[in-house]
Protein backbone atom coordinates (compact mmCIF):
# COMPACT_ATOMS: atom_id res chain seq x y z
CA MET A 1 -4.45 -26.64 -69.48
CA THR A 2 -2.96 -23.52 -68.01
CA MET A 3 -4.79 -21.38 -65.50
CA GLU A 4 -5.11 -18.67 -68.17
CA CYS A 5 -6.81 -21.07 -70.60
CA ASP A 6 -9.06 -22.37 -67.83
CA LEU A 7 -10.06 -18.81 -66.89
CA GLY A 8 -11.01 -18.03 -70.48
CA THR A 9 -13.01 -21.25 -70.70
CA LEU A 10 -14.73 -20.48 -67.39
CA ILE A 11 -15.73 -17.01 -68.62
CA ARG A 12 -17.07 -18.46 -71.87
CA MET A 13 -18.99 -21.26 -70.14
CA CYS A 14 -20.73 -18.82 -67.77
CA ASN A 15 -21.68 -16.36 -70.55
CA PRO A 16 -25.48 -15.97 -70.45
CA TYR A 17 -25.71 -14.94 -74.12
CA GLY A 18 -24.22 -17.71 -76.22
CA GLY A 19 -24.93 -21.01 -74.54
CA GLY A 20 -21.38 -21.34 -73.22
CA GLY A 21 -20.09 -23.79 -75.82
CA PRO A 22 -16.87 -23.50 -77.82
CA GLY A 23 -17.08 -20.70 -80.38
CA THR A 24 -19.84 -18.81 -78.58
CA MET A 25 -17.61 -15.82 -77.71
CA HIS A 26 -15.27 -14.02 -80.07
CA ILE A 27 -12.80 -11.32 -79.03
CA GLY A 28 -10.77 -9.32 -81.48
CA PRO A 29 -11.05 -7.25 -84.61
CA SER A 30 -10.81 -10.16 -87.04
CA ALA A 31 -13.81 -12.09 -88.32
CA PRO A 32 -15.09 -14.87 -86.05
CA PRO A 33 -13.87 -18.35 -87.00
CA THR A 34 -16.04 -20.53 -89.21
CA VAL A 35 -17.71 -23.68 -87.89
CA ALA A 36 -15.14 -25.79 -89.78
CA GLU A 37 -12.26 -23.87 -88.17
CA LEU A 38 -13.80 -24.31 -84.73
CA GLN A 39 -14.22 -28.03 -85.23
CA ALA A 40 -10.64 -28.42 -86.49
CA ALA A 41 -9.17 -26.51 -83.55
CA ALA A 42 -11.46 -27.87 -80.84
CA ALA A 43 -9.49 -28.25 -77.64
CA PRO A 44 -10.70 -30.48 -74.84
CA GLU A 45 -12.57 -28.77 -72.03
CA PRO A 46 -10.64 -28.43 -68.77
CA GLU A 47 -10.99 -31.46 -66.56
CA ASP A 48 -11.85 -29.67 -63.33
CA LEU A 49 -12.98 -26.05 -63.24
CA GLY A 50 -14.28 -26.80 -59.74
CA ARG A 51 -10.83 -26.19 -58.34
CA TYR A 52 -11.48 -22.45 -58.72
CA GLU A 53 -13.48 -20.62 -56.09
CA ILE A 54 -16.19 -18.82 -58.02
CA GLU A 55 -19.53 -17.24 -57.23
CA VAL A 56 -22.14 -16.56 -59.92
CA ASP A 57 -24.92 -14.01 -59.50
CA ASN A 58 -27.78 -13.50 -61.97
CA TYR A 59 -29.39 -10.13 -61.41
CA ASP A 60 -30.67 -7.01 -63.09
CA GLY A 61 -28.22 -4.28 -62.14
CA GLU A 62 -25.94 -1.61 -63.48
CA TRP A 63 -22.20 -1.05 -63.17
CA THR A 64 -20.58 2.29 -63.82
CA PHE A 65 -17.35 2.02 -65.77
CA MET A 66 -15.38 5.04 -66.99
CA GLY A 67 -18.37 7.27 -66.26
CA MET A 68 -20.83 5.23 -68.31
CA SER A 69 -23.57 3.00 -66.95
CA HIS A 70 -23.72 -0.60 -68.19
CA ARG A 71 -26.53 -3.06 -67.56
CA VAL A 72 -25.14 -6.31 -66.18
CA THR A 73 -27.25 -9.46 -66.11
CA ARG A 74 -24.70 -11.92 -64.72
CA ALA A 75 -21.50 -11.47 -62.72
CA LEU A 76 -18.73 -13.81 -61.65
CA ARG A 77 -16.58 -13.28 -58.57
CA ILE A 78 -13.41 -15.35 -58.86
CA LYS A 79 -11.09 -15.64 -55.87
CA TYR A 80 -7.34 -15.38 -56.42
CA ARG A 81 -4.24 -15.01 -54.27
CA PHE A 82 -0.96 -13.24 -54.83
CA PRO A 83 2.34 -13.14 -52.92
CA LEU A 84 3.11 -10.11 -50.81
CA ARG A 85 6.60 -8.68 -51.23
CA ASP A 86 8.91 -6.77 -48.92
CA THR A 87 10.29 -3.31 -49.71
CA ASP A 88 13.07 -4.88 -51.79
CA GLY A 89 10.57 -6.82 -53.92
CA ASN A 90 11.31 -10.22 -52.39
CA PRO A 91 8.44 -12.64 -51.65
CA THR A 92 7.56 -12.75 -47.95
CA GLY A 93 5.85 -16.15 -48.00
CA VAL A 94 2.55 -14.48 -47.11
CA TYR A 95 -0.31 -14.32 -49.60
CA ALA A 96 -3.16 -11.83 -49.92
CA THR A 97 -6.60 -12.69 -51.27
CA GLN A 98 -8.54 -10.60 -53.77
CA TYR A 99 -11.33 -11.16 -56.28
CA LEU A 100 -11.66 -10.76 -60.02
CA LEU A 101 -15.11 -9.50 -61.05
CA VAL A 102 -16.43 -10.33 -64.51
CA GLY A 103 -19.68 -8.71 -65.56
CA TYR A 104 -21.64 -9.72 -68.65
CA ALA A 105 -23.01 -6.44 -69.98
CA GLY A 106 -25.88 -6.09 -72.41
CA GLY A 107 -29.18 -7.85 -72.71
CA ASN A 108 -32.57 -6.38 -71.93
CA GLY A 109 -31.64 -2.78 -72.61
CA PRO A 110 -28.78 -0.32 -73.05
């Protein structure tokens, strides 16, 4: 699978609200798929999500996003790297490290 598919699967599997199995998260304005549709389209789970550097923290905290407070009960910190570029936009061969934060909002309050 691609890294993008693996990332989506990783986010779904760590979700504290749905059990983490296929079909436990739905994104989009359309109606969620039926059980039959899920079974027909079931893709195999990634073979090795352990190749990603990830930290998981279960806690009772709040994040402020766009001026509004959101209760977060679980957060993921996923390490990623990207190539640095010179002033002309060419890759330098040097990589920087950053982190993607995913917070699962909701649960136990507003």
